Amino acid sequence: MAWFVTALHSRRNMLDGIAADAVEILKDRSVNPQIFDTLRRMKDYRQVETAELMASMNNFTLSYAKAILAATRQDDLVKPDRPKVIAGVTTEQMARMERELEKLSQDYRGIEATFGDDVLQLVLASRYLGRLIDNGNVAAYLESRHPDIVGEFRTIVAATSLDAS
């Protein structure tokens, strides 16, 4: 019976020390409860970043959370003066992972910032190509002089029309 009480207490306190925004991201997901122990070692903003990373990769495993923890800078930990200890990972590997994760995060933010504009440009270009191909005179000219190009145009139009439906 004591194990039952212990389990209830751990469930009740599972979200203590977890940022509200991180909880919001993870609330509808099937998450290993031990992940919250890993998140508690990070500052609130890093918990949110970790939850976003996990959601974007659709990976809510403990090993993924620990990998993110290993790649987290010391300054982003709740206790930055206490060194991270991850089984099987040396301090040099952790430092390299921290640098690589920071670069990856910067690249991701850069892509995320331009993604909407890129998709809009693709849709506009695809619609324009579709109208060119639908024009009989233009299509005949392209077919006679540049059949490889008109084939690529059709592929682009078909690919973007599949995305729209």
N, C-alpha and C. Protein backbone atom coordinates (compact mmCIF):
# COMPACT_ATOMS: atom_id res chain seq x y z
N MET A 1 0.82 -1.20 0.00
CA MET A 1 0.00 0.00 0.00
C MET A 1 0.86 1.26 0.00
N ALA A 2 2.04 1.17 0.59
CA ALA A 2 2.94 2.33 0.65
C ALA A 2 3.38 2.76 -0.75
N TRP A 3 3.58 1.78 -1.63
CA TRP A 3 3.98 2.13 -3.00
C TRP A 3 2.90 2.93 -3.70
N PHE A 4 1.63 2.63 -3.38
CA PHE A 4 0.51 3.34 -3.99
C PHE A 4 0.51 4.82 -3.56
N VAL A 5 0.75 5.05 -2.29
CA VAL A 5 0.80 6.42 -1.76
C VAL A 5 1.97 7.18 -2.39
N THR A 6 3.10 6.50 -2.50
CA THR A 6 4.27 7.11 -3.12
C THR A 6 3.99 7.47 -4.57
N ALA A 7 3.33 6.57 -5.28
CA ALA A 7 2.99 6.82 -6.68
C ALA A 7 2.04 8.01 -6.80
N LEU A 8 1.06 8.10 -5.90
CA LEU A 8 0.13 9.23 -5.92
C LEU A 8 0.85 10.56 -5.66
N HIS A 9 1.76 10.56 -4.70
CA HIS A 9 2.52 11.77 -4.40
C HIS A 9 3.37 12.20 -5.60
N SER A 10 4.00 11.24 -6.24
CA SER A 10 4.85 11.59 -7.37
C SER A 10 4.01 12.11 -8.53
N ARG A 11 2.83 11.55 -8.75
CA ARG A 11 1.93 12.04 -9.80
C ARG A 11 1.42 13.45 -9.48
N ARG A 12 1.10 13.66 -8.21
CA ARG A 12 0.59 14.96 -7.79
C ARG A 12 1.64 16.05 -7.98
N ASN A 13 2.89 15.71 -7.74
CA ASN A 13 3.98 16.69 -7.80
C ASN A 13 4.73 16.66 -9.14
N MET A 14 4.21 15.93 -10.10
CA MET A 14 4.92 15.73 -11.35
C MET A 14 5.24 17.05 -12.07
N LEU A 15 4.35 18.02 -12.02
CA LEU A 15 4.54 19.26 -12.76
C LEU A 15 5.13 20.38 -11.91
N ASP A 16 5.46 20.10 -10.67
CA ASP A 16 6.11 21.11 -9.83
C ASP A 16 7.46 21.47 -10.45
N GLY A 17 7.70 22.76 -10.62
CA GLY A 17 8.97 23.22 -11.17
C GLY A 17 9.04 23.19 -12.68
N ILE A 18 7.92 22.91 -13.33
CA ILE A 18 7.88 22.88 -14.79
C ILE A 18 7.18 24.16 -15.27
N ALA A 19 7.77 24.81 -16.28
CA ALA A 19 7.22 26.06 -16.82
C ALA A 19 5.83 25.81 -17.40
N ALA A 20 4.93 26.76 -17.17
CA ALA A 20 3.55 26.63 -17.65
C ALA A 20 3.48 26.47 -19.17
N ASP A 21 4.34 27.20 -19.89
CA ASP A 21 4.34 27.09 -21.36
C ASP A 21 4.80 25.71 -21.81
N ALA A 22 5.75 25.12 -21.10
CA ALA A 22 6.20 23.77 -21.42
C ALA A 22 5.08 22.76 -21.17
N VAL A 23 4.36 22.94 -20.07
CA VAL A 23 3.22 22.06 -19.77
C VAL A 23 2.17 22.19 -20.87
N GLU A 24 1.92 23.40 -21.31
CA GLU A 24 0.93 23.65 -22.37
C GLU A 24 1.31 22.90 -23.65
N ILE A 25 2.58 22.90 -24.00
CA ILE A 25 3.04 22.21 -25.20
C ILE A 25 2.91 20.70 -25.06
N LEU A 26 3.17 20.19 -23.88
CA LEU A 26 3.20 18.74 -23.66
C LEU A 26 1.88 18.15 -23.19
N LYS A 27 0.90 18.97 -22.88
CA LYS A 27 -0.29 18.46 -22.19
C LYS A 27 -1.09 17.42 -22.97
N ASP A 28 -1.12 17.48 -24.28
CA ASP A 28 -1.91 16.53 -25.07
C ASP A 28 -1.05 15.42 -25.65
N ARG A 29 0.16 15.29 -25.17
CA ARG A 29 1.09 14.31 -25.71
C ARG A 29 1.31 13.18 -24.71
N SER A 30 1.66 12.04 -25.23
CA SER A 30 2.01 10.91 -24.38
C SER A 30 3.49 11.05 -24.02
N VAL A 31 3.73 11.45 -22.78
CA VAL A 31 5.08 11.79 -22.34
C VAL A 31 5.48 10.89 -21.18
N ASN A 32 6.71 10.39 -21.24
CA ASN A 32 7.27 9.62 -20.14
C ASN A 32 7.38 10.54 -18.92
N PRO A 33 6.81 10.18 -17.78
CA PRO A 33 6.85 11.06 -16.60
C PRO A 33 8.27 11.41 -16.13
N GLN A 34 9.25 10.56 -16.44
CA GLN A 34 10.62 10.84 -16.03
C GLN A 34 11.20 12.04 -16.79
N ILE A 35 10.59 12.41 -17.90
CA ILE A 35 11.04 13.57 -18.67
C ILE A 35 10.97 14.82 -17.80
N PHE A 36 9.97 14.89 -16.94
CA PHE A 36 9.80 16.08 -16.10
C PHE A 36 10.95 16.24 -15.12
N ASP A 37 11.53 15.13 -14.67
CA ASP A 37 12.72 15.22 -13.81
C ASP A 37 13.87 15.86 -14.59
N THR A 38 13.99 15.50 -15.85
CA THR A 38 15.03 16.08 -16.70
C THR A 38 14.75 17.56 -16.96
N LEU A 39 13.51 17.90 -17.22
CA LEU A 39 13.15 19.30 -17.48
C LEU A 39 13.40 20.18 -16.26
N ARG A 40 13.16 19.65 -15.07
CA ARG A 40 13.35 20.43 -13.84
C ARG A 40 14.79 20.90 -13.66
N ARG A 41 15.72 20.24 -14.29
CA ARG A 41 17.12 20.63 -14.18
C ARG A 41 17.44 21.85 -15.04
N MET A 42 16.47 22.26 -15.91
CA MET A 42 16.67 23.39 -16.82
C MET A 42 15.88 24.60 -16.35
N LYS A 43 16.35 25.77 -16.75
CA LYS A 43 15.60 27.00 -16.47
C LYS A 43 14.32 26.99 -17.29
N ASP A 44 13.36 27.85 -16.89
CA ASP A 44 12.04 27.84 -17.50
C ASP A 44 12.08 28.00 -19.02
N TYR A 45 12.85 28.99 -19.52
CA TYR A 45 12.86 29.22 -20.96
C TYR A 45 13.47 28.03 -21.70
N ARG A 46 14.41 27.35 -21.09
CA ARG A 46 15.02 26.17 -21.71
C ARG A 46 14.05 24.99 -21.69
N GLN A 47 13.20 24.92 -20.64
CA GLN A 47 12.17 23.89 -20.61
C GLN A 47 11.21 24.07 -21.79
N VAL A 48 10.84 25.32 -22.05
CA VAL A 48 9.93 25.60 -23.17
C VAL A 48 10.60 25.25 -24.49
N GLU A 49 11.87 25.65 -24.65
CA GLU A 49 12.61 25.31 -25.87
C GLU A 49 12.69 23.80 -26.06
N THR A 50 12.94 23.09 -24.97
CA THR A 50 13.04 21.63 -25.04
C THR A 50 11.69 21.02 -25.43
N ALA A 51 10.62 21.50 -24.83
CA ALA A 51 9.29 21.00 -25.18
C ALA A 51 8.98 21.28 -26.65
N GLU A 52 9.36 22.46 -27.13
CA GLU A 52 9.15 22.79 -28.55
C GLU A 52 9.96 21.87 -29.45
N LEU A 53 11.21 21.62 -29.08
CA LEU A 53 12.04 20.70 -29.86
C LEU A 53 11.42 19.31 -29.90
N MET A 54 10.97 18.84 -28.75
CA MET A 54 10.38 17.51 -28.68
C MET A 54 9.11 17.45 -29.53
N ALA A 55 8.30 18.50 -29.48
CA ALA A 55 7.06 18.52 -30.25
C ALA A 55 7.36 18.61 -31.75
N SER A 56 8.34 19.42 -32.14
CA SER A 56 8.64 19.56 -33.57
C SER A 56 9.21 18.26 -34.14
N MET A 57 9.92 17.50 -33.32
CA MET A 57 10.47 16.22 -33.78
C MET A 57 9.51 15.05 -33.49
N ASN A 58 8.42 15.34 -32.77
CA ASN A 58 7.45 14.31 -32.36
C ASN A 58 8.17 13.17 -31.64
N ASN A 59 9.10 13.56 -30.77
CA ASN A 59 9.89 12.59 -30.02
C ASN A 59 9.81 12.98 -28.54
N PHE A 60 9.10 12.19 -27.77
CA PHE A 60 8.87 12.48 -26.35
C PHE A 60 9.49 11.41 -25.46
N THR A 61 10.62 10.90 -25.90
CA THR A 61 11.29 9.86 -25.13
C THR A 61 12.24 10.47 -24.11
N LEU A 62 12.53 9.69 -23.08
CA LEU A 62 13.46 10.13 -22.05
C LEU A 62 14.86 10.30 -22.61
N SER A 63 15.26 9.41 -23.50
CA SER A 63 16.61 9.50 -24.07
C SER A 63 16.77 10.78 -24.88
N TYR A 64 15.73 11.20 -25.59
CA TYR A 64 15.80 12.46 -26.35
C TYR A 64 15.90 13.65 -25.39
N ALA A 65 15.11 13.62 -24.33
CA ALA A 65 15.17 14.70 -23.34
C ALA A 65 16.55 14.77 -22.70
N LYS A 66 17.14 13.62 -22.41
CA LYS A 66 18.48 13.60 -21.82
C LYS A 66 19.52 14.09 -22.82
N ALA A 67 19.33 13.79 -24.09
CA ALA A 67 20.26 14.29 -25.12
C ALA A 67 20.19 15.81 -25.19
N ILE A 68 18.99 16.36 -25.10
CA ILE A 68 18.85 17.81 -25.10
C ILE A 68 19.49 18.40 -23.85
N LEU A 69 19.29 17.74 -22.72
CA LEU A 69 19.93 18.19 -21.48
C LEU A 69 21.45 18.19 -21.63
N ALA A 70 21.98 17.14 -22.22
CA ALA A 70 23.43 17.04 -22.41
C ALA A 70 23.94 18.16 -23.30
N ALA A 71 23.11 18.60 -24.26
CA ALA A 71 23.52 19.66 -25.18
C ALA A 71 23.17 21.05 -24.66
N THR A 72 22.57 21.13 -23.50
CA THR A 72 22.19 22.41 -22.91
C THR A 72 23.39 23.07 -22.25
N ARG A 73 23.55 24.36 -22.48
CA ARG A 73 24.65 25.11 -21.86
C ARG A 73 24.47 25.15 -20.35
N GLN A 74 25.59 25.21 -19.64
CA GLN A 74 25.56 25.27 -18.17
C GLN A 74 24.72 26.46 -17.69
N ASP A 75 24.80 27.58 -18.40
CA ASP A 75 24.06 28.78 -18.00
C ASP A 75 22.55 28.59 -18.05
N ASP A 76 22.08 27.62 -18.84
CA ASP A 76 20.65 27.37 -19.00
C ASP A 76 20.11 26.36 -18.00
N LEU A 77 20.96 25.91 -17.08
CA LEU A 77 20.54 24.96 -16.06
C LEU A 77 20.13 25.69 -14.79
N VAL A 78 19.25 25.09 -14.01
CA VAL A 78 18.81 25.68 -12.74
C VAL A 78 19.99 25.84 -11.81
N LYS A 79 20.88 24.86 -11.81
CA LYS A 79 22.09 24.93 -10.97
C LYS A 79 23.31 24.92 -11.89
N PRO A 80 23.65 26.10 -12.44
CA PRO A 80 24.76 26.14 -13.42
C PRO A 80 26.12 25.82 -12.82
N ASP A 81 26.26 25.96 -11.51
CA ASP A 81 27.55 25.67 -10.87
C ASP A 81 27.79 24.16 -10.72
N ARG A 82 26.73 23.37 -10.78
CA ARG A 82 26.86 21.92 -10.66
C ARG A 82 27.06 21.33 -12.07
N PRO A 83 28.17 20.61 -12.29
CA PRO A 83 28.41 20.07 -13.63
C PRO A 83 27.39 18.98 -13.99
N LYS A 84 27.05 18.95 -15.27
CA LYS A 84 26.13 17.92 -15.76
C LYS A 84 26.85 16.59 -15.78
N VAL A 85 26.16 15.56 -15.38
CA VAL A 85 26.71 14.22 -15.45
C VAL A 85 25.71 13.37 -16.22
N ILE A 86 26.11 12.99 -17.42
CA ILE A 86 25.28 12.14 -18.27
C ILE A 86 26.08 10.87 -18.52
N ALA A 87 25.49 9.74 -18.22
CA ALA A 87 26.20 8.45 -18.37
C ALA A 87 26.62 8.24 -19.81
N GLY A 88 27.90 7.91 -20.00
CA GLY A 88 28.41 7.59 -21.33
C GLY A 88 28.79 8.79 -22.16
N VAL A 89 28.73 10.02 -21.59
CA VAL A 89 29.06 11.22 -22.35
C VAL A 89 30.17 11.96 -21.61
N THR A 90 31.26 12.23 -22.32
CA THR A 90 32.38 12.95 -21.71
C THR A 90 32.10 14.45 -21.75
N THR A 91 32.87 15.20 -20.99
CA THR A 91 32.67 16.66 -20.97
C THR A 91 32.98 17.28 -22.33
N GLU A 92 33.96 16.72 -23.05
CA GLU A 92 34.26 17.22 -24.39
C GLU A 92 33.09 16.98 -25.34
N GLN A 93 32.47 15.81 -25.24
CA GLN A 93 31.31 15.51 -26.08
C GLN A 93 30.15 16.43 -25.74
N MET A 94 29.95 16.71 -24.45
CA MET A 94 28.88 17.62 -24.04
C MET A 94 29.12 19.02 -24.59
N ALA A 95 30.36 19.48 -24.52
CA ALA A 95 30.68 20.82 -25.04
C ALA A 95 30.42 20.88 -26.54
N ARG A 96 30.82 19.84 -27.25
CA ARG A 96 30.58 19.81 -28.70
C ARG A 96 29.08 19.78 -29.00
N MET A 97 28.33 18.98 -28.24
CA MET A 97 26.89 18.93 -28.43
C MET A 97 26.24 20.27 -28.14
N GLU A 98 26.72 20.97 -27.12
CA GLU A 98 26.18 22.30 -26.81
C GLU A 98 26.38 23.24 -27.99
N ARG A 99 27.59 23.24 -28.56
CA ARG A 99 27.87 24.11 -29.72
C ARG A 99 27.01 23.74 -30.91
N GLU A 100 26.90 22.45 -31.18
CA GLU A 100 26.13 21.99 -32.33
C GLU A 100 24.64 22.29 -32.15
N LEU A 101 24.12 22.11 -30.94
CA LEU A 101 22.71 22.40 -30.70
C LEU A 101 22.43 23.89 -30.84
N GLU A 102 23.35 24.72 -30.37
CA GLU A 102 23.18 26.17 -30.51
C GLU A 102 23.15 26.56 -31.98
N LYS A 103 24.06 25.99 -32.77
CA LYS A 103 24.08 26.29 -34.22
C LYS A 103 22.81 25.78 -34.88
N LEU A 104 22.37 24.59 -34.51
CA LEU A 104 21.15 24.02 -35.06
C LEU A 104 19.94 24.88 -34.70
N SER A 105 19.89 25.36 -33.48
CA SER A 105 18.78 26.22 -33.05
C SER A 105 18.77 27.52 -33.84
N GLN A 106 19.94 28.10 -34.08
CA GLN A 106 20.03 29.33 -34.87
C GLN A 106 19.56 29.07 -36.30
N ASP A 107 20.00 27.96 -36.89
CA ASP A 107 19.58 27.61 -38.25
C ASP A 107 18.08 27.40 -38.31
N TYR A 108 17.54 26.72 -37.30
CA TYR A 108 16.10 26.44 -37.26
C TYR A 108 15.31 27.75 -37.18
N ARG A 109 15.76 28.67 -36.31
CA ARG A 109 15.07 29.96 -36.19
C ARG A 109 15.13 30.74 -37.49
N GLY A 110 16.26 30.67 -38.19
CA GLY A 110 16.40 31.36 -39.47
C GLY A 110 15.47 30.80 -40.52
N ILE A 111 15.38 29.48 -40.59
CA ILE A 111 14.48 28.84 -41.55
C ILE A 111 13.02 29.13 -41.19
N GLU A 112 12.72 29.07 -39.91
CA GLU A 112 11.35 29.33 -39.45
C GLU A 112 10.92 30.75 -39.80
N ALA A 113 11.86 31.70 -39.73
CA ALA A 113 11.54 33.10 -40.01
C ALA A 113 11.20 33.32 -41.48
N THR A 114 11.81 32.55 -42.39
CA THR A 114 11.57 32.77 -43.81
C THR A 114 10.63 31.75 -44.44
N PHE A 115 10.21 30.76 -43.68
CA PHE A 115 9.41 29.66 -44.24
C PHE A 115 8.12 30.17 -44.89
N GLY A 116 7.38 31.01 -44.21
CA GLY A 116 6.11 31.51 -44.75
C GLY A 116 6.30 32.24 -46.06
N ASP A 117 7.30 33.10 -46.13
CA ASP A 117 7.58 33.83 -47.37
C ASP A 117 8.00 32.88 -48.48
N ASP A 118 8.81 31.88 -48.15
CA ASP A 118 9.26 30.92 -49.16
C ASP A 118 8.09 30.13 -49.73
N VAL A 119 7.18 29.70 -48.87
CA VAL A 119 6.01 28.94 -49.33
C VAL A 119 5.13 29.82 -50.20
N LEU A 120 4.94 31.08 -49.80
CA LEU A 120 4.14 32.00 -50.60
C LEU A 120 4.75 32.18 -51.99
N GLN A 121 6.06 32.37 -52.06
CA GLN A 121 6.74 32.52 -53.35
C GLN A 121 6.59 31.26 -54.20
N LEU A 122 6.69 30.11 -53.58
CA LEU A 122 6.52 28.84 -54.30
C LEU A 122 5.11 28.71 -54.87
N VAL A 123 4.12 29.05 -54.07
CA VAL A 123 2.73 28.95 -54.54
C VAL A 123 2.48 29.91 -55.69
N LEU A 124 2.98 31.13 -55.55
CA LEU A 124 2.79 32.11 -56.63
C LEU A 124 3.49 31.67 -57.91
N ALA A 125 4.72 31.20 -57.79
CA ALA A 125 5.46 30.74 -58.97
C ALA A 125 4.77 29.53 -59.60
N SER A 126 4.27 28.62 -58.77
CA SER A 126 3.59 27.44 -59.28
C SER A 126 2.31 27.81 -60.02
N ARG A 127 1.56 28.73 -59.46
CA ARG A 127 0.32 29.18 -60.13
C ARG A 127 0.64 29.82 -61.47
N TYR A 128 1.71 30.61 -61.50
CA TYR A 128 2.13 31.26 -62.75
C TYR A 128 2.52 30.20 -63.78
N LEU A 129 3.32 29.21 -63.36
CA LEU A 129 3.70 28.14 -64.27
C LEU A 129 2.48 27.37 -64.76
N GLY A 130 1.52 27.15 -63.88
CA GLY A 130 0.30 26.46 -64.26
C GLY A 130 -0.47 27.22 -65.33
N ARG A 131 -0.54 28.53 -65.20
CA ARG A 131 -1.22 29.34 -66.22
C ARG A 131 -0.45 29.32 -67.54
N LEU A 132 0.88 29.32 -67.48
CA LEU A 132 1.68 29.24 -68.71
C LEU A 132 1.41 27.93 -69.43
N ILE A 133 1.41 26.84 -68.68
CA ILE A 133 1.20 25.52 -69.30
C ILE A 133 -0.23 25.39 -69.84
N ASP A 134 -1.19 26.02 -69.17
CA ASP A 134 -2.58 25.97 -69.63
C ASP A 134 -2.79 26.77 -70.91
N ASN A 135 -1.92 27.71 -71.20
CA ASN A 135 -2.00 28.49 -72.43
C ASN A 135 -1.50 27.61 -73.57
N GLY A 136 -2.38 27.32 -74.51
CA GLY A 136 -2.05 26.40 -75.61
C GLY A 136 -0.85 26.83 -76.42
N ASN A 137 -0.76 28.11 -76.76
CA ASN A 137 0.36 28.60 -77.58
C ASN A 137 1.68 28.46 -76.84
N VAL A 138 1.70 28.83 -75.57
CA VAL A 138 2.93 28.74 -74.78
C VAL A 138 3.33 27.28 -74.59
N ALA A 139 2.34 26.44 -74.30
CA ALA A 139 2.63 25.02 -74.09
C ALA A 139 3.18 24.38 -75.36
N ALA A 140 2.60 24.71 -76.52
CA ALA A 140 3.09 24.16 -77.79
C ALA A 140 4.52 24.62 -78.06
N TYR A 141 4.79 25.88 -77.81
CA TYR A 141 6.13 26.41 -78.03
C TYR A 141 7.14 25.68 -77.13
N LEU A 142 6.80 25.57 -75.84
CA LEU A 142 7.70 24.91 -74.91
C LEU A 142 7.89 23.44 -75.26
N GLU A 143 6.81 22.76 -75.66
CA GLU A 143 6.90 21.35 -76.03
C GLU A 143 7.82 21.16 -77.23
N SER A 144 7.74 22.07 -78.22
CA SER A 144 8.55 21.91 -79.43
C SER A 144 10.01 22.29 -79.20
N ARG A 145 10.28 23.27 -78.39
CA ARG A 145 11.65 23.77 -78.23
C ARG A 145 12.33 23.36 -76.92
N HIS A 146 11.56 23.15 -75.87
CA HIS A 146 12.13 22.85 -74.55
C HIS A 146 11.29 21.80 -73.82
N PRO A 147 11.20 20.60 -74.37
CA PRO A 147 10.34 19.59 -73.73
C PRO A 147 10.80 19.22 -72.32
N ASP A 148 12.09 19.27 -72.05
CA ASP A 148 12.57 18.94 -70.71
C ASP A 148 12.13 19.99 -69.68
N ILE A 149 12.13 21.24 -70.08
CA ILE A 149 11.72 22.31 -69.17
C ILE A 149 10.22 22.25 -68.89
N VAL A 150 9.42 22.04 -69.93
CA VAL A 150 7.97 21.98 -69.71
C VAL A 150 7.62 20.77 -68.84
N GLY A 151 8.38 19.69 -68.96
CA GLY A 151 8.17 18.53 -68.09
C GLY A 151 8.42 18.89 -66.63
N GLU A 152 9.50 19.64 -66.37
CA GLU A 152 9.79 20.09 -65.01
C GLU A 152 8.71 21.04 -64.51
N PHE A 153 8.23 21.93 -65.38
CA PHE A 153 7.15 22.84 -64.99
C PHE A 153 5.92 22.05 -64.56
N ARG A 154 5.59 21.02 -65.32
CA ARG A 154 4.42 20.20 -64.98
C ARG A 154 4.63 19.48 -63.64
N THR A 155 5.85 19.03 -63.40
CA THR A 155 6.15 18.36 -62.14
C THR A 155 5.97 19.32 -60.96
N ILE A 156 6.44 20.54 -61.12
CA ILE A 156 6.31 21.55 -60.06
C ILE A 156 4.84 21.85 -59.80
N VAL A 157 4.07 22.06 -60.88
CA VAL A 157 2.64 22.37 -60.73
C VAL A 157 1.91 21.21 -60.08
N ALA A 158 2.24 19.99 -60.50
CA ALA A 158 1.58 18.81 -59.92
C ALA A 158 1.93 18.66 -58.44
N ALA A 159 3.17 18.90 -58.09
CA ALA A 159 3.60 18.76 -56.68
C ALA A 159 2.92 19.79 -55.79
N THR A 160 2.83 21.01 -56.25
CA THR A 160 2.20 22.04 -55.41
C THR A 160 0.70 21.89 -55.38
N SER A 161 0.10 21.35 -56.42
CA SER A 161 -1.35 21.15 -56.39
C SER A 161 -1.70 20.00 -55.45
N LEU A 162 -0.81 19.01 -55.32
CA LEU A 162 -1.02 17.93 -54.35
C LEU A 162 -0.94 18.45 -52.93
N ASP A 163 -0.01 19.40 -52.68
CA ASP A 163 0.11 19.99 -51.36
C ASP A 163 -1.13 20.79 -50.97
N ALA A 164 -1.77 21.42 -51.96
CA ALA A 164 -2.94 22.25 -51.70
C ALA A 164 -4.16 21.41 -51.36
N SER A 165 -4.24 20.18 -51.90
CA SER A 165 -5.44 19.36 -51.66
C SER A 165 -5.35 18.50 -50.47
